[in-house]
Amino acid sequence: MVRLLKKSKGWLSLAVVLSFIICSASPLGLAGERITTSDWEEDFEYLIEKLPESHKNLYANISQSEFRKKAESLKRRIPQLSRNEILVEISRLVASVGDAHTTIAFEPSMAYPFSFRWFEDGIVNLMTVEKHSHTLNKKLVAINGVKIDKVVSALSEAISHENRAWIKKMVPQYLVFTAYLDGLGIVEMNEPARFTFADKNGDKLIVEAVPFDPTSKVEFVKNYEYSPQYLKNKGEYYWYEYLNDEATLYFKYNLCMNKKDKPLSVVTEAMLSSLEEKDVKKVIIDLRGNGGGNSGLLNSFIEGLHRNGEINRKGRIFVLVDRNTFSSAVINAIDLKNKTEAILVGEPTGGKPNHYGEVRYFNLPNTGLRVFYSTKYFEYVEGNPASLFPDRQIRVTLQDFLNNRDPVLEAIIL
C-alpha cells in the first residue's frame, strides 16, 4: 500500500496510485520501436474512415469540412512527426469532435513519479517517491520551465471533454505521462524533467524527476490520511448504511453495474424497506466518483422514493455529485432531480446532461490503439448546459483534504 511518511512500507503500482481511468490498449511505448511511418499512415487512414461511419453523429460539434481539414493537415505531417507527436495529434483530432465518450485509449509506457489533484487553488502533488517527499502538498507551477497554465492548455486540446470539470479530472493524470508531454515538446521521452512547485507562501522548489515503467512496483509516500465516508468500500459497486445518529439512509453508488452475488434490485428492496421500518429523516444518494454504466438499474429506487410521500419532500433527499460523476450517473442525478424533491450538492459534473454515449470501440490495426466512439444521443434537459450544476456548489479544498474533512456531506448531516 501507499504509506504515510515515517510509517510502514508498502508497494503499489503507479497505475493504481494514480487511479488511471485511461482504458487499457496496446502499450504503444513497448511496441513503438517497431512501428514505422507507414504503419502510422495506415492506422490514420483507417481511423478517419472508420470513425465517421461508426459514430452516431461525428459532426454534431464540428463541421465535416473542418474535421477533414484537420485530418488532411495531420496526414501530410505524419512523416515529419515522432511517434509521440503523432499520438498527441491523433488524440487532438479525436478530441476536436467534442464528445467526451469518443476518445483514444492509451496505456502509458513511462510516467513521472507524482500523483496530482486539481484543487481550487491549483494542481497539488499528493503522493510521490520518498526522494521527492519535500514536494508533497505543494502546488505544481511549471514543467521544464513551461508554466502550468500553458501545459494544461496544451493537454486539454488532446483530451476528449465537454466541460471544464472533466478537464480538472483528467489533466492531473496526463501530467505524468511522458509520451504526451514529449509529444507536446515539454519533455524528452525517457529523460528526467524539472518539476517546479510552490508552497503556500509562493516560495519555489525545483526537483528533477526520472520517469519509470508504470507497470513496475514503486514505493510511494504521502503525509495525509483522507478517509471520508464516501471512500469506504471503494471496490464495491454500491453499498448503503443507516446513520443512526443522523437518522439518515446513506447510499453510495460507485458504478452503474450489477453485482452478480447481490443485484442492485435486492439492495433497492432493502433500502426501500428501511424507509418504512426506520426513523429516516434524510436520504443521501452519493454519486461522486461514479463513471456510469447502465442508468436503468437505479430506476426502481428512484420510483420508490418518488412514491414515498413521507420522504419525498424538500430538504429530505440529497444527491451528491462531482467532476467524476459521468455518463449514466449524470442521467441518474437528472432523474432524481426531476422525479423527486432531491437537492443536488457538490461540484459540476464531468459528464454533460445531454450527450452522446452508449460506447463501442475499434482498434487501430498496427499500433493497437483503441478508439472509443458513441452510438447514441441522450437528451434530458432543455438547452445545452456543459455540466449538471448542483443546487448547492461545495468544493473540497486542499485544507479540507489534509484535515480529512468532507464538506459536502457535512453540509447535509451536520
Foldseek 3Di string as FASTA:
>chain_A
DAAAPPDDWDKDFLCVVQVDPQDDWFALVVCVVVQDLVLLLLLLVCCVVVFCVQFQHLPPPPHPVVLVVLSVVLSVCSVVAGPLLNLQSVLLSQLSSQAQQWGWGHDFFKWWFFHWAQFPVAIATFKGAPVVQVRHRWHWQAKQPHGPVVVLVSVSSSHRALDPLLSNVPVRVCVTRQSNCVSVVRDPPQAWMWIWTAHPVRDIDIDTTGMHGSVDMGHMYGNFDADDPQCPPLVDQKDWDQDVVLLEIEIEHQEPDADPVAGVVNVLVVVLVCVVVGSHQAYEYEQENYAYDDLVSCVVSLVSQLPPPVQQDALHYEYEYGQNREDSSQVNVLSSVVRGNYFYEEAWYRYWQWHFAPKDWDARDRSRIITIHGNDTDHDDPDTDSTPGTPYYDYQHSVCRRVNHDVRVVVRRD
